N, C-alpha and C. Protein backbone atom coordinates (compact mmCIF):
# COMPACT_ATOMS: atom_id res chain seq x y z
N UNK A 1 0.84 -1.17 0.00
CA UNK A 1 0.00 0.00 0.00
C UNK A 1 0.89 1.24 0.00
N UNK A 2 0.42 2.27 -0.66
CA UNK A 2 1.14 3.54 -0.69
C UNK A 2 1.15 4.18 0.70
N UNK A 3 2.21 4.88 1.00
CA UNK A 3 2.37 5.52 2.31
C UNK A 3 1.26 6.53 2.58
N UNK A 4 0.96 7.40 1.61
CA UNK A 4 -0.05 8.43 1.85
C UNK A 4 -1.43 7.81 2.09
N UNK A 5 -1.76 6.75 1.38
CA UNK A 5 -3.04 6.09 1.59
C UNK A 5 -3.10 5.43 2.96
N UNK A 6 -1.99 4.80 3.39
CA UNK A 6 -1.96 4.17 4.71
C UNK A 6 -2.17 5.21 5.81
N UNK A 7 -1.51 6.36 5.69
CA UNK A 7 -1.65 7.40 6.71
C UNK A 7 -3.10 7.87 6.81
N UNK A 8 -3.81 7.93 5.69
CA UNK A 8 -5.20 8.35 5.69
C UNK A 8 -6.12 7.25 6.24
N UNK A 9 -5.95 6.02 5.76
CA UNK A 9 -6.82 4.92 6.19
C UNK A 9 -6.65 4.64 7.68
N UNK A 10 -5.42 4.72 8.18
CA UNK A 10 -5.16 4.46 9.60
C UNK A 10 -5.53 5.65 10.48
N UNK A 11 -5.89 6.75 9.84
CA UNK A 11 -6.29 7.98 10.52
C UNK A 11 -5.14 8.62 11.33
N UNK A 12 -3.91 8.35 10.92
CA UNK A 12 -2.77 9.06 11.51
C UNK A 12 -2.78 10.51 11.01
N UNK A 13 -3.19 10.70 9.74
CA UNK A 13 -3.38 12.02 9.16
C UNK A 13 -4.79 12.03 8.57
N UNK A 14 -5.50 13.13 8.78
CA UNK A 14 -6.93 13.16 8.48
C UNK A 14 -7.26 13.05 6.98
N UNK A 15 -6.49 13.73 6.14
CA UNK A 15 -6.80 13.73 4.70
C UNK A 15 -5.59 13.25 3.89
N UNK A 16 -5.89 12.62 2.75
CA UNK A 16 -4.81 12.09 1.92
C UNK A 16 -3.98 13.21 1.31
N UNK A 17 -4.61 14.34 0.99
CA UNK A 17 -3.84 15.45 0.42
C UNK A 17 -2.86 16.01 1.45
N UNK A 18 -3.27 16.05 2.71
CA UNK A 18 -2.37 16.51 3.77
C UNK A 18 -1.24 15.51 3.95
N UNK A 19 -1.55 14.22 3.89
CA UNK A 19 -0.53 13.18 3.99
C UNK A 19 0.47 13.31 2.84
N UNK A 20 -0.05 13.58 1.64
CA UNK A 20 0.79 13.75 0.46
C UNK A 20 1.73 14.94 0.64
N UNK A 21 1.20 16.06 1.13
CA UNK A 21 2.01 17.25 1.34
C UNK A 21 3.07 17.03 2.42
N UNK A 22 2.70 16.29 3.47
CA UNK A 22 3.66 16.00 4.54
C UNK A 22 4.82 15.16 4.00
N UNK A 23 4.50 14.18 3.16
CA UNK A 23 5.55 13.34 2.56
C UNK A 23 6.44 14.16 1.64
N UNK A 24 5.83 15.00 0.79
CA UNK A 24 6.61 15.81 -0.13
C UNK A 24 7.47 16.84 0.60
N UNK A 25 7.01 17.27 1.79
CA UNK A 25 7.76 18.24 2.57
C UNK A 25 8.87 17.63 3.40
N UNK A 26 9.05 16.31 3.33
CA UNK A 26 10.11 15.64 4.05
C UNK A 26 9.83 15.45 5.53
N UNK A 27 8.56 15.52 5.92
CA UNK A 27 8.21 15.38 7.34
C UNK A 27 7.85 13.96 7.74
N UNK A 28 7.88 13.02 6.78
CA UNK A 28 7.54 11.62 7.06
C UNK A 28 8.72 10.74 6.68
N UNK A 29 9.11 9.85 7.60
CA UNK A 29 10.18 8.91 7.27
C UNK A 29 9.74 7.50 7.61
N UNK A 30 10.24 6.55 6.81
CA UNK A 30 9.94 5.14 7.01
C UNK A 30 11.26 4.44 7.27
N UNK A 31 11.35 3.76 8.39
CA UNK A 31 12.57 3.04 8.79
C UNK A 31 13.80 3.95 8.76
N UNK A 32 13.64 5.20 9.20
CA UNK A 32 14.77 6.13 9.31
C UNK A 32 15.12 6.87 8.04
N UNK A 33 14.43 6.62 6.93
CA UNK A 33 14.72 7.31 5.67
C UNK A 33 13.52 8.14 5.25
N UNK A 34 13.77 9.36 4.78
CA UNK A 34 12.69 10.21 4.31
C UNK A 34 11.98 9.51 3.16
N UNK A 35 10.64 9.47 3.23
CA UNK A 35 9.86 8.72 2.24
C UNK A 35 8.94 9.63 1.46
N UNK A 36 8.73 9.28 0.20
CA UNK A 36 7.77 10.00 -0.64
C UNK A 36 6.40 9.35 -0.47
N UNK A 37 5.37 10.05 -0.95
CA UNK A 37 3.99 9.59 -0.78
C UNK A 37 3.74 8.24 -1.44
N UNK A 38 4.42 7.95 -2.52
CA UNK A 38 4.20 6.70 -3.25
C UNK A 38 5.00 5.52 -2.75
N UNK A 39 5.76 5.71 -1.67
CA UNK A 39 6.58 4.63 -1.14
C UNK A 39 5.70 3.48 -0.68
N UNK A 40 6.11 2.26 -1.01
CA UNK A 40 5.36 1.07 -0.59
C UNK A 40 5.75 0.73 0.84
N UNK A 41 4.76 0.47 1.67
CA UNK A 41 5.01 0.11 3.06
C UNK A 41 4.52 -1.31 3.31
N UNK A 42 5.04 -1.91 4.38
CA UNK A 42 4.64 -3.27 4.74
C UNK A 42 4.57 -3.38 6.25
N UNK A 43 4.01 -4.48 6.72
CA UNK A 43 3.90 -4.69 8.16
C UNK A 43 5.28 -4.74 8.79
N UNK A 44 5.41 -4.12 9.96
CA UNK A 44 6.69 -4.09 10.66
C UNK A 44 7.49 -2.82 10.42
N UNK A 45 7.14 -2.05 9.39
CA UNK A 45 7.83 -0.79 9.12
C UNK A 45 7.55 0.20 10.25
N UNK A 46 8.51 1.09 10.50
CA UNK A 46 8.35 2.13 11.51
C UNK A 46 8.23 3.48 10.79
N UNK A 47 7.15 4.19 11.08
CA UNK A 47 6.88 5.49 10.45
C UNK A 47 7.06 6.58 11.49
N UNK A 48 7.77 7.65 11.11
CA UNK A 48 7.92 8.83 11.96
C UNK A 48 7.30 10.01 11.24
N UNK A 49 6.42 10.74 11.94
CA UNK A 49 5.75 11.91 11.36
C UNK A 49 6.09 13.11 12.23
N UNK A 50 6.62 14.17 11.60
CA UNK A 50 6.98 15.38 12.32
C UNK A 50 6.09 16.54 11.87
N UNK A 51 5.35 17.11 12.82
CA UNK A 51 4.57 18.33 12.59
C UNK A 51 4.95 19.31 13.67
N UNK A 52 5.67 20.37 13.31
CA UNK A 52 6.14 21.32 14.31
C UNK A 52 7.11 20.65 15.26
N UNK A 53 6.83 20.75 16.56
CA UNK A 53 7.69 20.11 17.56
C UNK A 53 7.23 18.70 17.90
N UNK A 54 6.09 18.28 17.34
CA UNK A 54 5.55 16.95 17.65
C UNK A 54 6.19 15.88 16.77
N UNK A 55 6.57 14.78 17.39
CA UNK A 55 7.10 13.63 16.66
C UNK A 55 6.25 12.42 17.03
N UNK A 56 5.61 11.83 16.03
CA UNK A 56 4.81 10.63 16.24
C UNK A 56 5.54 9.47 15.60
N UNK A 57 5.79 8.42 16.38
CA UNK A 57 6.52 7.25 15.89
C UNK A 57 5.63 6.03 16.10
N UNK A 58 5.33 5.33 15.00
CA UNK A 58 4.44 4.16 15.08
C UNK A 58 5.04 2.99 14.31
N UNK A 59 4.63 1.77 14.70
CA UNK A 59 5.00 0.56 13.98
C UNK A 59 3.74 0.01 13.33
N UNK A 60 3.82 -0.34 12.06
CA UNK A 60 2.67 -0.88 11.33
C UNK A 60 2.44 -2.31 11.78
N UNK A 61 1.21 -2.59 12.24
CA UNK A 61 0.88 -3.95 12.66
C UNK A 61 0.03 -4.67 11.63
N UNK A 62 -0.77 -3.92 10.85
CA UNK A 62 -1.56 -4.54 9.80
C UNK A 62 -1.88 -3.52 8.73
N UNK A 63 -2.18 -4.01 7.53
CA UNK A 63 -2.54 -3.16 6.41
C UNK A 63 -3.88 -3.62 5.88
N UNK A 64 -4.87 -2.73 5.90
CA UNK A 64 -6.21 -3.04 5.40
C UNK A 64 -6.66 -1.89 4.50
N UNK A 65 -7.44 -2.22 3.47
CA UNK A 65 -7.88 -1.21 2.51
C UNK A 65 -9.00 -0.32 3.07
N UNK A 66 -9.98 -0.93 3.73
CA UNK A 66 -11.13 -0.19 4.25
C UNK A 66 -11.36 -0.61 5.69
N UNK A 67 -11.42 0.37 6.60
CA UNK A 67 -11.60 0.06 8.02
C UNK A 67 -12.56 1.06 8.65
N UNK A 68 -13.14 0.64 9.78
CA UNK A 68 -13.96 1.57 10.56
C UNK A 68 -13.03 2.36 11.48
N UNK A 69 -13.60 3.34 12.15
CA UNK A 69 -12.81 4.17 13.05
C UNK A 69 -12.18 3.34 14.17
N UNK A 70 -12.93 2.37 14.69
CA UNK A 70 -12.42 1.53 15.76
C UNK A 70 -11.30 0.61 15.26
N UNK A 71 -11.45 0.07 14.06
CA UNK A 71 -10.45 -0.84 13.50
C UNK A 71 -9.16 -0.11 13.15
N UNK A 72 -9.24 1.17 12.84
CA UNK A 72 -8.06 1.92 12.41
C UNK A 72 -6.99 1.97 13.51
N UNK A 73 -7.41 1.94 14.76
CA UNK A 73 -6.46 1.98 15.87
C UNK A 73 -5.66 0.69 15.98
N UNK A 74 -6.13 -0.39 15.37
CA UNK A 74 -5.45 -1.68 15.40
C UNK A 74 -4.40 -1.81 14.28
N UNK A 75 -4.33 -0.82 13.39
CA UNK A 75 -3.41 -0.88 12.26
C UNK A 75 -1.97 -0.51 12.66
N UNK A 76 -1.80 0.10 13.83
CA UNK A 76 -0.46 0.54 14.24
C UNK A 76 -0.35 0.52 15.75
N UNK A 77 0.89 0.53 16.24
CA UNK A 77 1.13 0.69 17.67
C UNK A 77 2.09 1.86 17.85
N UNK A 78 1.78 2.71 18.81
CA UNK A 78 2.59 3.90 19.06
C UNK A 78 3.83 3.49 19.85
N UNK A 79 4.99 3.99 19.39
CA UNK A 79 6.26 3.66 20.06
C UNK A 79 6.71 4.81 20.95
């Protein structure tokens, strides 16, 4: 799955366009490397998102195409 789509589906970022802009701005990294919006992600990858002074670090536990709000919290674990 594409990184920007995962961020939107998992509700880490509210909109896909915002996720796309964050990736293009270099504020998202996967496994320690700056990632573009089209980067393919897989289970076990570690994503870091930087907005201002906030740093969110999560590990992907599952990848699903369509989820409910409750299920979205099961897609990652906060580190």
